[in-house]
mmCIF file of all heavy atoms, coordinates in Angstrom:
data_MODEL
# 
_entry.id   MODEL 
# 
loop_
_atom_site.group_PDB 
_atom_site.id 
_atom_site.type_symbol 
_atom_site.label_atom_id 
_atom_site.label_alt_id 
_atom_site.label_comp_id 
_atom_site.label_asym_id 
_atom_site.label_entity_id 
_atom_site.label_seq_id 
_atom_site.pdbx_PDB_ins_code 
_atom_site.Cartn_x 
_atom_site.Cartn_y 
_atom_site.Cartn_z 
_atom_site.occupancy 
_atom_site.B_iso_or_equiv 
_atom_site.pdbx_formal_charge 
_atom_site.auth_seq_id 
_atom_site.auth_comp_id 
_atom_site.auth_asym_id 
_atom_site.auth_atom_id 
_atom_site.pdbx_PDB_model_num 
ATOM 1   N N   . ARG A 1 1  ? -134.075 123.134 -119.560 1.00 0.00 ? 1  ARG A N   1 
ATOM 2   C CA  . ARG A 1 1  ? -135.271 122.477 -118.970 1.00 0.00 ? 1  ARG A CA  1 
ATOM 3   C C   . ARG A 1 1  ? -135.637 123.187 -117.657 1.00 0.00 ? 1  ARG A C   1 
ATOM 4   O O   . ARG A 1 1  ? -136.785 123.446 -117.370 1.00 0.00 ? 1  ARG A O   1 
ATOM 5   C CB  . ARG A 1 1  ? -134.996 120.992 -118.740 1.00 0.00 ? 1  ARG A CB  1 
ATOM 6   C CG  . ARG A 1 1  ? -136.276 120.197 -118.388 1.00 0.00 ? 1  ARG A CG  1 
ATOM 7   C CD  . ARG A 1 1  ? -136.025 118.714 -118.249 1.00 0.00 ? 1  ARG A CD  1 
ATOM 8   N NE  . ARG A 1 1  ? -135.204 118.278 -119.362 1.00 0.00 ? 1  ARG A NE  1 
ATOM 9   C CZ  . ARG A 1 1  ? -134.236 117.356 -119.248 1.00 0.00 ? 1  ARG A CZ  1 
ATOM 10  N NH1 . ARG A 1 1  ? -133.986 116.760 -118.109 1.00 0.00 ? 1  ARG A NH1 1 
ATOM 11  N NH2 . ARG A 1 1  ? -133.553 116.992 -120.306 1.00 0.00 ? 1  ARG A NH2 1 
ATOM 12  N N   . PHE A 1 2  ? -134.572 123.489 -116.870 1.00 0.00 ? 2  PHE A N   1 
ATOM 13  C CA  . PHE A 1 2  ? -134.839 124.206 -115.600 1.00 0.00 ? 2  PHE A CA  1 
ATOM 14  C C   . PHE A 1 2  ? -135.483 125.540 -115.845 1.00 0.00 ? 2  PHE A C   1 
ATOM 15  O O   . PHE A 1 2  ? -136.448 125.915 -115.198 1.00 0.00 ? 2  PHE A O   1 
ATOM 16  C CB  . PHE A 1 2  ? -133.535 124.393 -114.816 1.00 0.00 ? 2  PHE A CB  1 
ATOM 17  C CG  . PHE A 1 2  ? -133.734 125.043 -113.474 1.00 0.00 ? 2  PHE A CG  1 
ATOM 18  C CD1 . PHE A 1 2  ? -133.934 124.256 -112.356 1.00 0.00 ? 2  PHE A CD1 1 
ATOM 19  C CD2 . PHE A 1 2  ? -133.767 126.426 -113.329 1.00 0.00 ? 2  PHE A CD2 1 
ATOM 20  C CE1 . PHE A 1 2  ? -134.156 124.855 -111.102 1.00 0.00 ? 2  PHE A CE1 1 
ATOM 21  C CE2 . PHE A 1 2  ? -133.984 127.007 -112.076 1.00 0.00 ? 2  PHE A CE2 1 
ATOM 22  C CZ  . PHE A 1 2  ? -134.187 126.241 -110.959 1.00 0.00 ? 2  PHE A CZ  1 
ATOM 23  N N   . GLU A 1 3  ? -134.968 126.258 -116.842 1.00 0.00 ? 3  GLU A N   1 
ATOM 24  C CA  . GLU A 1 3  ? -135.591 127.573 -117.207 1.00 0.00 ? 3  GLU A CA  1 
ATOM 25  C C   . GLU A 1 3  ? -137.005 127.451 -117.633 1.00 0.00 ? 3  GLU A C   1 
ATOM 26  O O   . GLU A 1 3  ? -137.866 128.264 -117.220 1.00 0.00 ? 3  GLU A O   1 
ATOM 27  C CB  . GLU A 1 3  ? -134.747 128.229 -118.343 1.00 0.00 ? 3  GLU A CB  1 
ATOM 28  C CG  . GLU A 1 3  ? -135.225 129.632 -118.663 1.00 0.00 ? 3  GLU A CG  1 
ATOM 29  C CD  . GLU A 1 3  ? -134.434 130.276 -119.781 1.00 0.00 ? 3  GLU A CD  1 
ATOM 30  O OE1 . GLU A 1 3  ? -133.331 129.760 -120.142 1.00 0.00 ? 3  GLU A OE1 1 
ATOM 31  O OE2 . GLU A 1 3  ? -134.939 131.237 -120.341 1.00 0.00 ? 3  GLU A OE2 1 
ATOM 32  N N   . ALA A 1 4  ? -137.331 126.405 -118.411 1.00 0.00 ? 4  ALA A N   1 
ATOM 33  C CA  . ALA A 1 4  ? -138.719 126.188 -118.836 1.00 0.00 ? 4  ALA A CA  1 
ATOM 34  C C   . ALA A 1 4  ? -139.615 125.876 -117.632 1.00 0.00 ? 4  ALA A C   1 
ATOM 35  O O   . ALA A 1 4  ? -140.724 126.425 -117.493 1.00 0.00 ? 4  ALA A O   1 
ATOM 36  C CB  . ALA A 1 4  ? -138.791 125.062 -119.878 1.00 0.00 ? 4  ALA A CB  1 
ATOM 37  N N   . TYR A 1 5  ? -139.127 124.960 -116.734 1.00 0.00 ? 5  TYR A N   1 
ATOM 38  C CA  . TYR A 1 5  ? -139.930 124.645 -115.531 1.00 0.00 ? 5  TYR A CA  1 
ATOM 39  C C   . TYR A 1 5  ? -140.181 125.902 -114.725 1.00 0.00 ? 5  TYR A C   1 
ATOM 40  O O   . TYR A 1 5  ? -141.287 126.058 -114.155 1.00 0.00 ? 5  TYR A O   1 
ATOM 41  C CB  . TYR A 1 5  ? -139.198 123.600 -114.678 1.00 0.00 ? 5  TYR A CB  1 
ATOM 42  C CG  . TYR A 1 5  ? -139.204 122.179 -115.221 1.00 0.00 ? 5  TYR A CG  1 
ATOM 43  C CD1 . TYR A 1 5  ? -138.237 121.265 -114.811 1.00 0.00 ? 5  TYR A CD1 1 
ATOM 44  C CD2 . TYR A 1 5  ? -140.163 121.759 -116.142 1.00 0.00 ? 5  TYR A CD2 1 
ATOM 45  C CE1 . TYR A 1 5  ? -138.255 119.938 -115.297 1.00 0.00 ? 5  TYR A CE1 1 
ATOM 46  C CE2 . TYR A 1 5  ? -140.196 120.461 -116.628 1.00 0.00 ? 5  TYR A CE2 1 
ATOM 47  C CZ  . TYR A 1 5  ? -139.231 119.540 -116.203 1.00 0.00 ? 5  TYR A CZ  1 
ATOM 48  O OH  . TYR A 1 5  ? -139.197 118.278 -116.682 1.00 0.00 ? 5  TYR A OH  1 
ATOM 49  N N   . HIS A 1 6  ? -139.137 126.735 -114.588 1.00 0.00 ? 6  HIS A N   1 
ATOM 50  C CA  . HIS A 1 6  ? -139.288 127.934 -113.767 1.00 0.00 ? 6  HIS A CA  1 
ATOM 51  C C   . HIS A 1 6  ? -140.305 128.903 -114.387 1.00 0.00 ? 6  HIS A C   1 
ATOM 52  O O   . HIS A 1 6  ? -141.097 129.501 -113.706 1.00 0.00 ? 6  HIS A O   1 
ATOM 53  C CB  . HIS A 1 6  ? -137.923 128.636 -113.623 1.00 0.00 ? 6  HIS A CB  1 
ATOM 54  C CG  . HIS A 1 6  ? -137.945 129.855 -112.777 1.00 0.00 ? 6  HIS A CG  1 
ATOM 55  N ND1 . HIS A 1 6  ? -138.358 129.844 -111.455 1.00 0.00 ? 6  HIS A ND1 1 
ATOM 56  C CD2 . HIS A 1 6  ? -137.625 131.145 -113.058 1.00 0.00 ? 6  HIS A CD2 1 
ATOM 57  C CE1 . HIS A 1 6  ? -138.287 131.061 -110.953 1.00 0.00 ? 6  HIS A CE1 1 
ATOM 58  N NE2 . HIS A 1 6  ? -137.833 131.874 -111.901 1.00 0.00 ? 6  HIS A NE2 1 
ATOM 59  N N   . ARG A 1 7  ? -140.245 129.011 -115.723 1.00 0.00 ? 7  ARG A N   1 
ATOM 60  C CA  . ARG A 1 7  ? -141.245 129.907 -116.410 1.00 0.00 ? 7  ARG A CA  1 
ATOM 61  C C   . ARG A 1 7  ? -142.648 129.396 -116.235 1.00 0.00 ? 7  ARG A C   1 
ATOM 62  O O   . ARG A 1 7  ? -143.566 130.163 -116.045 1.00 0.00 ? 7  ARG A O   1 
ATOM 63  C CB  . ARG A 1 7  ? -140.881 129.958 -117.915 1.00 0.00 ? 7  ARG A CB  1 
ATOM 64  C CG  . ARG A 1 7  ? -139.719 130.900 -118.223 1.00 0.00 ? 7  ARG A CG  1 
ATOM 65  C CD  . ARG A 1 7  ? -139.370 130.890 -119.713 1.00 0.00 ? 7  ARG A CD  1 
ATOM 66  N NE  . ARG A 1 7  ? -140.523 131.283 -120.518 1.00 0.00 ? 7  ARG A NE  1 
ATOM 67  C CZ  . ARG A 1 7  ? -140.553 131.132 -121.828 1.00 0.00 ? 7  ARG A CZ  1 
ATOM 68  N NH1 . ARG A 1 7  ? -139.544 130.565 -122.486 1.00 0.00 ? 7  ARG A NH1 1 
ATOM 69  N NH2 . ARG A 1 7  ? -141.577 131.542 -122.538 1.00 0.00 ? 7  ARG A NH2 1 
ATOM 70  N N   . ILE A 1 8  ? -142.799 128.073 -116.251 1.00 0.00 ? 8  ILE A N   1 
ATOM 71  C CA  . ILE A 1 8  ? -144.153 127.520 -116.061 1.00 0.00 ? 8  ILE A CA  1 
ATOM 72  C C   . ILE A 1 8  ? -144.611 127.736 -114.621 1.00 0.00 ? 8  ILE A C   1 
ATOM 73  O O   . ILE A 1 8  ? -145.746 128.110 -114.391 1.00 0.00 ? 8  ILE A O   1 
ATOM 74  C CB  . ILE A 1 8  ? -144.161 126.002 -116.389 1.00 0.00 ? 8  ILE A CB  1 
ATOM 75  C CG1 . ILE A 1 8  ? -143.846 125.759 -117.869 1.00 0.00 ? 8  ILE A CG1 1 
ATOM 76  C CG2 . ILE A 1 8  ? -145.533 125.379 -116.060 1.00 0.00 ? 8  ILE A CG2 1 
ATOM 77  C CD1 . ILE A 1 8  ? -143.468 124.345 -118.220 1.00 0.00 ? 8  ILE A CD1 1 
ATOM 78  N N   . TYR A 1 9  ? -143.703 127.561 -113.669 1.00 0.00 ? 9  TYR A N   1 
ATOM 79  C CA  . TYR A 1 9  ? -144.027 127.851 -112.297 1.00 0.00 ? 9  TYR A CA  1 
ATOM 80  C C   . TYR A 1 9  ? -144.473 129.289 -112.139 1.00 0.00 ? 9  TYR A C   1 
ATOM 81  O O   . TYR A 1 9  ? -145.520 129.579 -111.487 1.00 0.00 ? 9  TYR A O   1 
ATOM 82  C CB  . TYR A 1 9  ? -142.794 127.632 -111.375 1.00 0.00 ? 9  TYR A CB  1 
ATOM 83  C CG  . TYR A 1 9  ? -142.829 128.416 -110.091 1.00 0.00 ? 9  TYR A CG  1 
ATOM 84  C CD1 . TYR A 1 9  ? -143.626 128.020 -109.043 1.00 0.00 ? 9  TYR A CD1 1 
ATOM 85  C CD2 . TYR A 1 9  ? -142.163 129.648 -109.960 1.00 0.00 ? 9  TYR A CD2 1 
ATOM 86  C CE1 . TYR A 1 9  ? -143.729 128.763 -107.887 1.00 0.00 ? 9  TYR A CE1 1 
ATOM 87  C CE2 . TYR A 1 9  ? -142.243 130.402 -108.819 1.00 0.00 ? 9  TYR A CE2 1 
ATOM 88  C CZ  . TYR A 1 9  ? -143.053 129.957 -107.780 1.00 0.00 ? 9  TYR A CZ  1 
ATOM 89  O OH  . TYR A 1 9  ? -143.152 130.713 -106.649 1.00 0.00 ? 9  TYR A OH  1 
ATOM 90  N N   . LEU A 1 10 ? -143.760 130.254 -112.739 1.00 0.00 ? 10 LEU A N   1 
ATOM 91  C CA  . LEU A 1 10 ? -144.118 131.669 -112.630 1.00 0.00 ? 10 LEU A CA  1 
ATOM 92  C C   . LEU A 1 10 ? -145.489 131.949 -113.243 1.00 0.00 ? 10 LEU A C   1 
ATOM 93  O O   . LEU A 1 10 ? -146.280 132.736 -112.730 1.00 0.00 ? 10 LEU A O   1 
ATOM 94  C CB  . LEU A 1 10 ? -143.055 132.544 -113.299 1.00 0.00 ? 10 LEU A CB  1 
ATOM 95  C CG  . LEU A 1 10 ? -141.703 132.624 -112.613 1.00 0.00 ? 10 LEU A CG  1 
ATOM 96  C CD1 . LEU A 1 10 ? -140.703 133.419 -113.472 1.00 0.00 ? 10 LEU A CD1 1 
ATOM 97  C CD2 . LEU A 1 10 ? -141.847 133.291 -111.232 1.00 0.00 ? 10 LEU A CD2 1 
ATOM 98  N N   . ALA A 1 11 ? -145.776 131.261 -114.351 1.00 0.00 ? 11 ALA A N   1 
ATOM 99  C CA  . ALA A 1 11 ? -147.086 131.435 -115.001 1.00 0.00 ? 11 ALA A CA  1 
ATOM 100 C C   . ALA A 1 11 ? -148.228 130.944 -114.136 1.00 0.00 ? 11 ALA A C   1 
ATOM 101 O O   . ALA A 1 11 ? -149.358 131.500 -114.164 1.00 0.00 ? 11 ALA A O   1 
ATOM 102 C CB  . ALA A 1 11 ? -147.119 130.700 -116.347 1.00 0.00 ? 11 ALA A CB  1 
ATOM 103 N N   . TYR A 1 12 ? -147.947 129.927 -113.306 1.00 0.00 ? 12 TYR A N   1 
ATOM 104 C CA  . TYR A 1 12 ? -149.013 129.357 -112.419 1.00 0.00 ? 12 TYR A CA  1 
ATOM 105 C C   . TYR A 1 12 ? -149.040 130.040 -111.070 1.00 0.00 ? 12 TYR A C   1 
ATOM 106 O O   . TYR A 1 12 ? -150.013 129.905 -110.349 1.00 0.00 ? 12 TYR A O   1 
ATOM 107 C CB  . TYR A 1 12 ? -148.759 127.865 -112.218 1.00 0.00 ? 12 TYR A CB  1 
ATOM 108 C CG  . TYR A 1 12 ? -149.250 126.961 -113.312 1.00 0.00 ? 12 TYR A CG  1 
ATOM 109 C CD1 . TYR A 1 12 ? -148.391 125.959 -113.874 1.00 0.00 ? 12 TYR A CD1 1 
ATOM 110 C CD2 . TYR A 1 12 ? -150.559 127.043 -113.780 1.00 0.00 ? 12 TYR A CD2 1 
ATOM 111 C CE1 . TYR A 1 12 ? -148.877 125.118 -114.870 1.00 0.00 ? 12 TYR A CE1 1 
ATOM 112 C CE2 . TYR A 1 12 ? -151.040 126.197 -114.762 1.00 0.00 ? 12 TYR A CE2 1 
ATOM 113 C CZ  . TYR A 1 12 ? -150.196 125.216 -115.303 1.00 0.00 ? 12 TYR A CZ  1 
ATOM 114 O OH  . TYR A 1 12 ? -150.644 124.375 -116.275 1.00 0.00 ? 12 TYR A OH  1 
ATOM 115 N N   . GLN A 1 13 ? -147.946 130.736 -110.697 1.00 0.00 ? 13 GLN A N   1 
ATOM 116 C CA  . GLN A 1 13 ? -147.768 131.180 -109.298 1.00 0.00 ? 13 GLN A CA  1 
ATOM 117 C C   . GLN A 1 13 ? -148.986 131.916 -108.717 1.00 0.00 ? 13 GLN A C   1 
ATOM 118 O O   . GLN A 1 13 ? -149.427 131.622 -107.613 1.00 0.00 ? 13 GLN A O   1 
ATOM 119 C CB  . GLN A 1 13 ? -146.531 132.075 -109.212 1.00 0.00 ? 13 GLN A CB  1 
ATOM 120 C CG  . GLN A 1 13 ? -146.133 132.509 -107.824 1.00 0.00 ? 13 GLN A CG  1 
ATOM 121 C CD  . GLN A 1 13 ? -145.130 133.648 -107.866 1.00 0.00 ? 13 GLN A CD  1 
ATOM 122 O OE1 . GLN A 1 13 ? -145.412 134.754 -108.212 1.00 0.00 ? 13 GLN A OE1 1 
ATOM 123 N NE2 . GLN A 1 13 ? -143.904 133.289 -107.490 1.00 0.00 ? 13 GLN A NE2 1 
ATOM 124 N N   . SER A 1 14 ? -149.489 132.913 -109.431 1.00 0.00 ? 14 SER A N   1 
ATOM 125 C CA  . SER A 1 14 ? -150.632 133.680 -108.905 1.00 0.00 ? 14 SER A CA  1 
ATOM 126 C C   . SER A 1 14 ? -151.935 133.288 -109.571 1.00 0.00 ? 14 SER A C   1 
ATOM 127 O O   . SER A 1 14 ? -152.913 133.965 -109.468 1.00 0.00 ? 14 SER A O   1 
ATOM 128 C CB  . SER A 1 14 ? -150.403 135.179 -109.109 1.00 0.00 ? 14 SER A CB  1 
ATOM 129 O OG  . SER A 1 14 ? -150.250 135.444 -110.458 1.00 0.00 ? 14 SER A OG  1 
ATOM 130 N N   . TYR A 1 15 ? -151.915 132.119 -110.201 1.00 0.00 ? 15 TYR A N   1 
ATOM 131 C CA  . TYR A 1 15 ? -153.066 131.655 -111.035 1.00 0.00 ? 15 TYR A CA  1 
ATOM 132 C C   . TYR A 1 15 ? -153.616 130.326 -110.535 1.00 0.00 ? 15 TYR A C   1 
ATOM 133 O O   . TYR A 1 15 ? -154.836 130.204 -110.387 1.00 0.00 ? 15 TYR A O   1 
ATOM 134 C CB  . TYR A 1 15 ? -152.589 131.587 -112.471 1.00 0.00 ? 15 TYR A CB  1 
ATOM 135 C CG  . TYR A 1 15 ? -153.525 130.987 -113.465 1.00 0.00 ? 15 TYR A CG  1 
ATOM 136 C CD1 . TYR A 1 15 ? -154.788 131.517 -113.707 1.00 0.00 ? 15 TYR A CD1 1 
ATOM 137 C CD2 . TYR A 1 15 ? -153.178 129.824 -114.198 1.00 0.00 ? 15 TYR A CD2 1 
ATOM 138 C CE1 . TYR A 1 15 ? -155.639 130.979 -114.627 1.00 0.00 ? 15 TYR A CE1 1 
ATOM 139 C CE2 . TYR A 1 15 ? -154.048 129.268 -115.132 1.00 0.00 ? 15 TYR A CE2 1 
ATOM 140 C CZ  . TYR A 1 15 ? -155.261 129.844 -115.359 1.00 0.00 ? 15 TYR A CZ  1 
ATOM 141 O OH  . TYR A 1 15 ? -156.124 129.296 -116.261 1.00 0.00 ? 15 TYR A OH  1 
ATOM 142 N N   . ARG A 1 16 ? -152.733 129.370 -110.282 1.00 0.00 ? 16 ARG A N   1 
ATOM 143 C CA  . ARG A 1 16 ? -153.192 128.035 -109.862 1.00 0.00 ? 16 ARG A CA  1 
ATOM 144 C C   . ARG A 1 16 ? -152.102 127.437 -108.975 1.00 0.00 ? 16 ARG A C   1 
ATOM 145 O O   . ARG A 1 16 ? -151.112 126.874 -109.494 1.00 0.00 ? 16 ARG A O   1 
ATOM 146 C CB  . ARG A 1 16 ? -153.468 127.158 -111.071 1.00 0.00 ? 16 ARG A CB  1 
ATOM 147 C CG  . ARG A 1 16 ? -154.148 125.863 -110.739 1.00 0.00 ? 16 ARG A CG  1 
ATOM 148 C CD  . ARG A 1 16 ? -154.519 125.102 -111.973 1.00 0.00 ? 16 ARG A CD  1 
ATOM 149 N NE  . ARG A 1 16 ? -155.599 125.760 -112.706 1.00 0.00 ? 16 ARG A NE  1 
ATOM 150 C CZ  . ARG A 1 16 ? -155.840 125.506 -114.002 1.00 0.00 ? 16 ARG A CZ  1 
ATOM 151 N NH1 . ARG A 1 16 ? -155.057 124.689 -114.691 1.00 0.00 ? 16 ARG A NH1 1 
ATOM 152 N NH2 . ARG A 1 16 ? -156.847 126.115 -114.629 1.00 0.00 ? 16 ARG A NH2 1 
ATOM 153 N N   . ALA A 1 17 ? -152.243 127.518 -107.678 1.00 0.00 ? 17 ALA A N   1 
ATOM 154 C CA  . ALA A 1 17 ? -151.207 127.081 -106.736 1.00 0.00 ? 17 ALA A CA  1 
ATOM 155 C C   . ALA A 1 17 ? -150.849 125.623 -106.839 1.00 0.00 ? 17 ALA A C   1 
ATOM 156 O O   . ALA A 1 17 ? -149.698 125.239 -106.714 1.00 0.00 ? 17 ALA A O   1 
ATOM 157 C CB  . ALA A 1 17 ? -151.612 127.455 -105.306 1.00 0.00 ? 17 ALA A CB  1 
ATOM 158 N N   . ASP A 1 18 ? -151.881 124.750 -107.037 1.00 0.00 ? 18 ASP A N   1 
ATOM 159 C CA  . ASP A 1 18 ? -151.577 123.306 -107.083 1.00 0.00 ? 18 ASP A CA  1 
ATOM 160 C C   . ASP A 1 18 ? -150.698 122.942 -108.258 1.00 0.00 ? 18 ASP A C   1 
ATOM 161 O O   . ASP A 1 18 ? -149.868 122.060 -108.174 1.00 0.00 ? 18 ASP A O   1 
ATOM 162 C CB  . ASP A 1 18 ? -152.865 122.486 -107.070 1.00 0.00 ? 18 ASP A CB  1 
ATOM 163 C CG  . ASP A 1 18 ? -153.821 122.815 -108.200 1.00 0.00 ? 18 ASP A CG  1 
ATOM 164 O OD1 . ASP A 1 18 ? -153.648 123.874 -108.824 1.00 0.00 ? 18 ASP A OD1 1 
ATOM 165 O OD2 . ASP A 1 18 ? -154.811 122.079 -108.387 1.00 0.00 ? 18 ASP A OD2 1 
ATOM 166 N N   . SER A 1 19 ? -150.866 123.639 -109.377 1.00 0.00 ? 19 SER A N   1 
ATOM 167 C CA  . SER A 1 19 ? -149.971 123.436 -110.544 1.00 0.00 ? 19 SER A CA  1 
ATOM 168 C C   . SER A 1 19 ? -148.610 124.080 -110.288 1.00 0.00 ? 19 SER A C   1 
ATOM 169 O O   . SER A 1 19 ? -147.582 123.541 -110.729 1.00 0.00 ? 19 SER A O   1 
ATOM 170 C CB  . SER A 1 19 ? -150.600 123.959 -111.789 1.00 0.00 ? 19 SER A CB  1 
ATOM 171 O OG  . SER A 1 19 ? -151.812 123.340 -112.094 1.00 0.00 ? 19 SER A OG  1 
ATOM 172 N N   . ALA A 1 20 ? -148.586 125.227 -109.649 1.00 0.00 ? 20 ALA A N   1 
ATOM 173 C CA  . ALA A 1 20 ? -147.332 125.934 -109.375 1.00 0.00 ? 20 ALA A CA  1 
ATOM 174 C C   . ALA A 1 20 ? -146.404 125.065 -108.562 1.00 0.00 ? 20 ALA A C   1 
ATOM 175 O O   . ALA A 1 20 ? -145.238 124.972 -108.806 1.00 0.00 ? 20 ALA A O   1 
ATOM 176 C CB  . ALA A 1 20 ? -147.589 127.236 -108.700 1.00 0.00 ? 20 ALA A CB  1 
ATOM 177 N N   . ILE A 1 21 ? -146.981 124.406 -107.556 1.00 0.00 ? 21 ILE A N   1 
ATOM 178 C CA  . ILE A 1 21 ? -146.133 123.589 -106.660 1.00 0.00 ? 21 ILE A CA  1 
ATOM 179 C C   . ILE A 1 21 ? -145.552 122.377 -107.378 1.00 0.00 ? 21 ILE A C   1 
ATOM 180 O O   . ILE A 1 21 ? -144.439 121.939 -107.091 1.00 0.00 ? 21 ILE A O   1 
ATOM 181 C CB  . ILE A 1 21 ? -146.891 123.176 -105.370 1.00 0.00 ? 21 ILE A CB  1 
ATOM 182 C CG1 . ILE A 1 21 ? -145.910 122.832 -104.285 1.00 0.00 ? 21 ILE A CG1 1 
ATOM 183 C CG2 . ILE A 1 21 ? -147.852 122.040 -105.624 1.00 0.00 ? 21 ILE A CG2 1 
ATOM 184 C CD1 . ILE A 1 21 ? -146.531 122.802 -102.900 1.00 0.00 ? 21 ILE A CD1 1 
ATOM 185 N N   . VAL A 1 22 ? -146.274 121.846 -108.367 1.00 0.00 ? 22 VAL A N   1 
ATOM 186 C CA  . VAL A 1 22 ? -145.776 120.727 -109.151 1.00 0.00 ? 22 VAL A CA  1 
ATOM 187 C C   . VAL A 1 22 ? -144.504 121.179 -109.888 1.00 0.00 ? 22 VAL A C   1 
ATOM 188 O O   . VAL A 1 22 ? -143.451 120.461 -109.863 1.00 0.00 ? 22 VAL A O   1 
ATOM 189 C CB  . VAL A 1 22 ? -146.819 120.271 -110.205 1.00 0.00 ? 22 VAL A CB  1 
ATOM 190 C CG1 . VAL A 1 22 ? -146.178 119.288 -111.232 1.00 0.00 ? 22 VAL A CG1 1 
ATOM 191 C CG2 . VAL A 1 22 ? -147.976 119.565 -109.499 1.00 0.00 ? 22 VAL A CG2 1 
ATOM 192 N N   . TYR A 1 23 ? -144.505 122.363 -110.471 1.00 0.00 ? 23 TYR A N   1 
ATOM 193 C CA  . TYR A 1 23 ? -143.337 122.832 -111.265 1.00 0.00 ? 23 TYR A CA  1 
ATOM 194 C C   . TYR A 1 23 ? -142.258 123.367 -110.352 1.00 0.00 ? 23 TYR A C   1 
ATOM 195 O O   . TYR A 1 23 ? -141.047 123.282 -110.721 1.00 0.00 ? 23 TYR A O   1 
ATOM 196 C CB  . TYR A 1 23 ? -143.777 123.825 -112.321 1.00 0.00 ? 23 TYR A CB  1 
ATOM 197 C CG  . TYR A 1 23 ? -144.372 123.052 -113.504 1.00 0.00 ? 23 TYR A CG  1 
ATOM 198 C CD1 . TYR A 1 23 ? -145.725 122.751 -113.531 1.00 0.00 ? 23 TYR A CD1 1 
ATOM 199 C CD2 . TYR A 1 23 ? -143.546 122.545 -114.479 1.00 0.00 ? 23 TYR A CD2 1 
ATOM 200 C CE1 . TYR A 1 23 ? -146.253 121.984 -114.571 1.00 0.00 ? 23 TYR A CE1 1 
ATOM 201 C CE2 . TYR A 1 23 ? -144.073 121.808 -115.527 1.00 0.00 ? 23 TYR A CE2 1 
ATOM 202 C CZ  . TYR A 1 23 ? -145.409 121.518 -115.570 1.00 0.00 ? 23 TYR A CZ  1 
ATOM 203 O OH  . TYR A 1 23 ? -145.939 120.737 -116.608 1.00 0.00 ? 23 TYR A OH  1 
ATOM 204 N N   . ALA A 1 24 ? -142.592 123.853 -109.189 1.00 0.00 ? 24 ALA A N   1 
ATOM 205 C CA  . ALA A 1 24 ? -141.530 124.230 -108.210 1.00 0.00 ? 24 ALA A CA  1 
ATOM 206 C C   . ALA A 1 24 ? -140.806 122.979 -107.772 1.00 0.00 ? 24 ALA A C   1 
ATOM 207 O O   . ALA A 1 24 ? -139.563 123.025 -107.629 1.00 0.00 ? 24 ALA A O   1 
ATOM 208 C CB  . ALA A 1 24 ? -142.193 124.920 -107.025 1.00 0.00 ? 24 ALA A CB  1 
ATOM 209 N N   . ASN A 1 25 ? -141.484 121.877 -107.561 1.00 0.00 ? 25 ASN A N   1 
ATOM 210 C CA  . ASN A 1 25 ? -140.835 120.624 -107.166 1.00 0.00 ? 25 ASN A CA  1 
ATOM 211 C C   . ASN A 1 25 ? -140.034 120.043 -108.327 1.00 0.00 ? 25 ASN A C   1 
ATOM 212 O O   . ASN A 1 25 ? -138.963 119.453 -108.089 1.00 0.00 ? 25 ASN A O   1 
ATOM 213 C CB  . ASN A 1 25 ? -141.900 119.621 -106.671 1.00 0.00 ? 25 ASN A CB  1 
ATOM 214 C CG  . ASN A 1 25 ? -142.305 119.853 -105.235 1.00 0.00 ? 25 ASN A CG  1 
ATOM 215 O OD1 . ASN A 1 25 ? -141.451 120.068 -104.381 1.00 0.00 ? 25 ASN A OD1 1 
ATOM 216 N ND2 . ASN A 1 25 ? -143.584 119.867 -104.959 1.00 0.00 ? 25 ASN A ND2 1 
ATOM 217 N N   . LYS A 1 26 ? -140.507 120.208 -109.578 1.00 0.00 ? 26 LYS A N   1 
ATOM 218 C CA  . LYS A 1 26 ? -139.726 119.760 -110.713 1.00 0.00 ? 26 LYS A CA  1 
ATOM 219 C C   . LYS A 1 26 ? -138.386 120.531 -110.765 1.00 0.00 ? 26 LYS A C   1 
ATOM 220 O O   . LYS A 1 26 ? -137.337 119.948 -111.060 1.00 0.00 ? 26 LYS A O   1 
ATOM 221 C CB  . LYS A 1 26 ? -140.541 119.977 -112.021 1.00 0.00 ? 26 LYS A CB  1 
ATOM 222 C CG  . LYS A 1 26 ? -141.596 118.941 -112.291 1.00 0.00 ? 26 LYS A CG  1 
ATOM 223 C CD  . LYS A 1 26 ? -142.312 119.273 -113.602 1.00 0.00 ? 26 LYS A CD  1 
ATOM 224 C CE  . LYS A 1 26 ? -143.456 118.283 -113.882 1.00 0.00 ? 26 LYS A CE  1 
ATOM 225 N NZ  . LYS A 1 26 ? -142.990 116.987 -114.340 1.00 0.00 ? 26 LYS A NZ  1 
ATOM 226 N N   . CYS A 1 27 ? -138.467 121.829 -110.523 1.00 0.00 ? 27 CYS A N   1 
ATOM 227 C CA  . CYS A 1 27 ? -137.222 122.648 -110.432 1.00 0.00 ? 27 CYS A CA  1 
ATOM 228 C C   . CYS A 1 27 ? -136.316 122.103 -109.361 1.00 0.00 ? 27 CYS A C   1 
ATOM 229 O O   . CYS A 1 27 ? -135.093 121.999 -109.587 1.00 0.00 ? 27 CYS A O   1 
ATOM 230 C CB  . CYS A 1 27 ? -137.607 124.106 -110.182 1.00 0.00 ? 27 CYS A CB  1 
ATOM 231 S SG  . CYS A 1 27 ? -138.344 124.970 -111.554 1.00 0.00 ? 27 CYS A SG  1 
ATOM 232 N N   . MET A 1 28 ? -136.865 121.798 -108.194 1.00 0.00 ? 28 MET A N   1 
ATOM 233 C CA  . MET A 1 28 ? -136.059 121.344 -107.098 1.00 0.00 ? 28 MET A CA  1 
ATOM 234 C C   . MET A 1 28 ? -135.383 119.998 -107.435 1.00 0.00 ? 28 MET A C   1 
ATOM 235 O O   . MET A 1 28 ? -134.153 119.819 -107.237 1.00 0.00 ? 28 MET A O   1 
ATOM 236 C CB  . MET A 1 28 ? -136.942 121.142 -105.844 1.00 0.00 ? 28 MET A CB  1 
ATOM 237 C CG  . MET A 1 28 ? -136.183 120.579 -104.644 1.00 0.00 ? 28 MET A CG  1 
ATOM 238 S SD  . MET A 1 28 ? -134.899 121.697 -104.052 1.00 0.00 ? 28 MET A SD  1 
ATOM 239 C CE  . MET A 1 28 ? -135.860 122.856 -103.098 1.00 0.00 ? 28 MET A CE  1 
ATOM 240 N N   . ASP A 1 29 ? -136.120 119.058 -108.004 1.00 0.00 ? 29 ASP A N   1 
ATOM 241 C CA  . ASP A 1 29 ? -135.549 117.749 -108.370 1.00 0.00 ? 29 ASP A CA  1 
ATOM 242 C C   . ASP A 1 29 ? -134.443 117.922 -109.367 1.00 0.00 ? 29 ASP A C   1 
ATOM 243 O O   . ASP A 1 29 ? -133.381 117.256 -109.290 1.00 0.00 ? 29 ASP A O   1 
ATOM 244 C CB  . ASP A 1 29 ? -136.655 116.822 -108.918 1.00 0.00 ? 29 ASP A CB  1 
ATOM 245 C CG  . ASP A 1 29 ? -137.700 116.428 -107.866 1.00 0.00 ? 29 ASP A CG  1 
ATOM 246 O OD1 . ASP A 1 29 ? -137.342 116.565 -106.644 1.00 0.00 ? 29 ASP A OD1 1 
ATOM 247 O OD2 . ASP A 1 29 ? -138.815 116.008 -108.221 1.00 0.00 ? 29 ASP A OD2 1 
# 
């Protein structure tokens, strides 16, 4: 699950910052 969240974060990172931060926080939690 962590790996999937991280992959989603990377996909959003340079594309949509507000979505990227959601998945970065999911990784943190």
